[in-house]
Amino acid sequence: MLLNRLFHDFILSGAVHEALQKLRVAGAFEKEGEMNVFV
């Protein structure tokens, strides 16, 4: 359960959101002709 606890803390810390934001800015989720579901 330690891993589960660490993962939970990681999500709550906002680090996941920050990482996803960086990917969005880099255009990682954008594909030609597809709607971006992450917006």
N, C-alpha and C. Protein backbone atom coordinates (compact mmCIF):
# COMPACT_ATOMS: atom_id res chain seq x y z
N MET A 1 0.81 -1.21 0.00
CA MET A 1 0.00 0.00 0.00
C MET A 1 0.86 1.27 0.00
N LEU A 2 2.15 1.11 0.21
CA LEU A 2 3.03 2.28 0.21
C LEU A 2 3.00 2.97 -1.16
N LEU A 3 3.07 2.18 -2.22
CA LEU A 3 3.06 2.74 -3.57
C LEU A 3 1.76 3.50 -3.82
N ASN A 4 0.66 2.91 -3.39
CA ASN A 4 -0.65 3.56 -3.55
C ASN A 4 -0.67 4.90 -2.82
N ARG A 5 -0.11 4.92 -1.63
CA ARG A 5 -0.05 6.15 -0.84
C ARG A 5 0.80 7.22 -1.54
N LEU A 6 1.94 6.80 -2.05
CA LEU A 6 2.82 7.74 -2.75
C LEU A 6 2.15 8.30 -3.99
N PHE A 7 1.47 7.43 -4.72
CA PHE A 7 0.77 7.85 -5.94
C PHE A 7 -0.33 8.85 -5.60
N HIS A 8 -1.06 8.57 -4.53
CA HIS A 8 -2.13 9.46 -4.08
C HIS A 8 -1.56 10.83 -3.71
N ASP A 9 -0.46 10.84 -2.96
CA ASP A 9 0.18 12.10 -2.58
C ASP A 9 0.68 12.85 -3.81
N PHE A 10 1.19 12.11 -4.78
CA PHE A 10 1.70 12.71 -6.01
C PHE A 10 0.58 13.42 -6.76
N ILE A 11 -0.57 12.77 -6.87
CA ILE A 11 -1.71 13.38 -7.54
C ILE A 11 -2.19 14.61 -6.79
N LEU A 12 -2.28 14.50 -5.48
CA LEU A 12 -2.76 15.63 -4.68
C LEU A 12 -1.80 16.81 -4.71
N SER A 13 -0.54 16.53 -4.95
CA SER A 13 0.46 17.60 -4.95
C SER A 13 0.32 18.52 -6.16
N GLY A 14 -0.43 18.08 -7.17
CA GLY A 14 -0.60 18.90 -8.35
C GLY A 14 0.49 18.67 -9.38
N ALA A 15 1.42 17.76 -9.09
CA ALA A 15 2.51 17.50 -10.01
C ALA A 15 2.00 16.91 -11.32
N VAL A 16 0.96 16.09 -11.23
CA VAL A 16 0.38 15.49 -12.44
C VAL A 16 -0.21 16.58 -13.32
N HIS A 17 -0.96 17.48 -12.72
CA HIS A 17 -1.57 18.57 -13.47
C HIS A 17 -0.49 19.42 -14.14
N GLU A 18 0.57 19.70 -13.41
CA GLU A 18 1.66 20.51 -13.95
C GLU A 18 2.34 19.82 -15.13
N ALA A 19 2.56 18.51 -15.00
CA ALA A 19 3.17 17.75 -16.09
C ALA A 19 2.28 17.73 -17.32
N LEU A 20 0.98 17.53 -17.11
CA LEU A 20 0.04 17.54 -18.24
C LEU A 20 -0.01 18.91 -18.90
N GLN A 21 0.07 19.95 -18.10
CA GLN A 21 0.06 21.31 -18.65
C GLN A 21 1.27 21.53 -19.55
N LYS A 22 2.43 21.05 -19.13
CA LYS A 22 3.64 21.18 -19.94
C LYS A 22 3.49 20.42 -21.26
N LEU A 23 2.89 19.24 -21.20
CA LEU A 23 2.65 18.47 -22.42
C LEU A 23 1.68 19.18 -23.35
N ARG A 24 0.65 19.78 -22.77
CA ARG A 24 -0.32 20.53 -23.57
C ARG A 24 0.37 21.68 -24.29
N VAL A 25 1.19 22.41 -23.56
CA VAL A 25 1.89 23.56 -24.14
C VAL A 25 2.81 23.10 -25.27
N ALA A 26 3.39 21.92 -25.11
CA ALA A 26 4.28 21.38 -26.14
C ALA A 26 3.51 20.81 -27.33
N GLY A 27 2.18 20.73 -27.21
CA GLY A 27 1.36 20.22 -28.30
C GLY A 27 1.33 18.71 -28.38
N ALA A 28 1.65 18.04 -27.28
CA ALA A 28 1.74 16.59 -27.28
C ALA A 28 0.40 15.91 -27.57
N PHE A 29 -0.71 16.57 -27.25
CA PHE A 29 -2.01 15.94 -27.41
C PHE A 29 -2.72 16.36 -28.70
N GLU A 30 -2.07 17.21 -29.46
CA GLU A 30 -2.73 17.73 -30.66
C GLU A 30 -2.38 16.89 -31.87
N LYS A 31 -3.42 16.49 -32.58
CA LYS A 31 -3.24 15.74 -33.82
C LYS A 31 -4.03 16.42 -34.91
N GLU A 32 -3.53 16.33 -36.10
CA GLU A 32 -4.16 16.96 -37.26
C GLU A 32 -5.58 16.45 -37.44
N GLY A 33 -6.54 17.37 -37.43
CA GLY A 33 -7.92 17.02 -37.72
C GLY A 33 -8.68 16.36 -36.58
N GLU A 34 -8.09 16.27 -35.39
CA GLU A 34 -8.78 15.67 -34.26
C GLU A 34 -9.06 16.73 -33.20
N MET A 35 -10.18 16.54 -32.52
CA MET A 35 -10.51 17.47 -31.44
C MET A 35 -9.68 17.14 -30.20
N ASN A 36 -9.19 18.16 -29.56
CA ASN A 36 -8.38 17.97 -28.36
C ASN A 36 -9.31 17.82 -27.16
N VAL A 37 -9.39 16.61 -26.61
CA VAL A 37 -10.31 16.33 -25.50
C VAL A 37 -9.75 16.80 -24.16
N PHE A 38 -8.52 17.28 -24.16
CA PHE A 38 -7.89 17.69 -22.91
C PHE A 38 -8.11 19.16 -22.59
N VAL A 39 -8.81 19.87 -23.46
CA VAL A 39 -9.00 21.30 -23.24
C VAL A 39 -10.21 21.52 -22.34
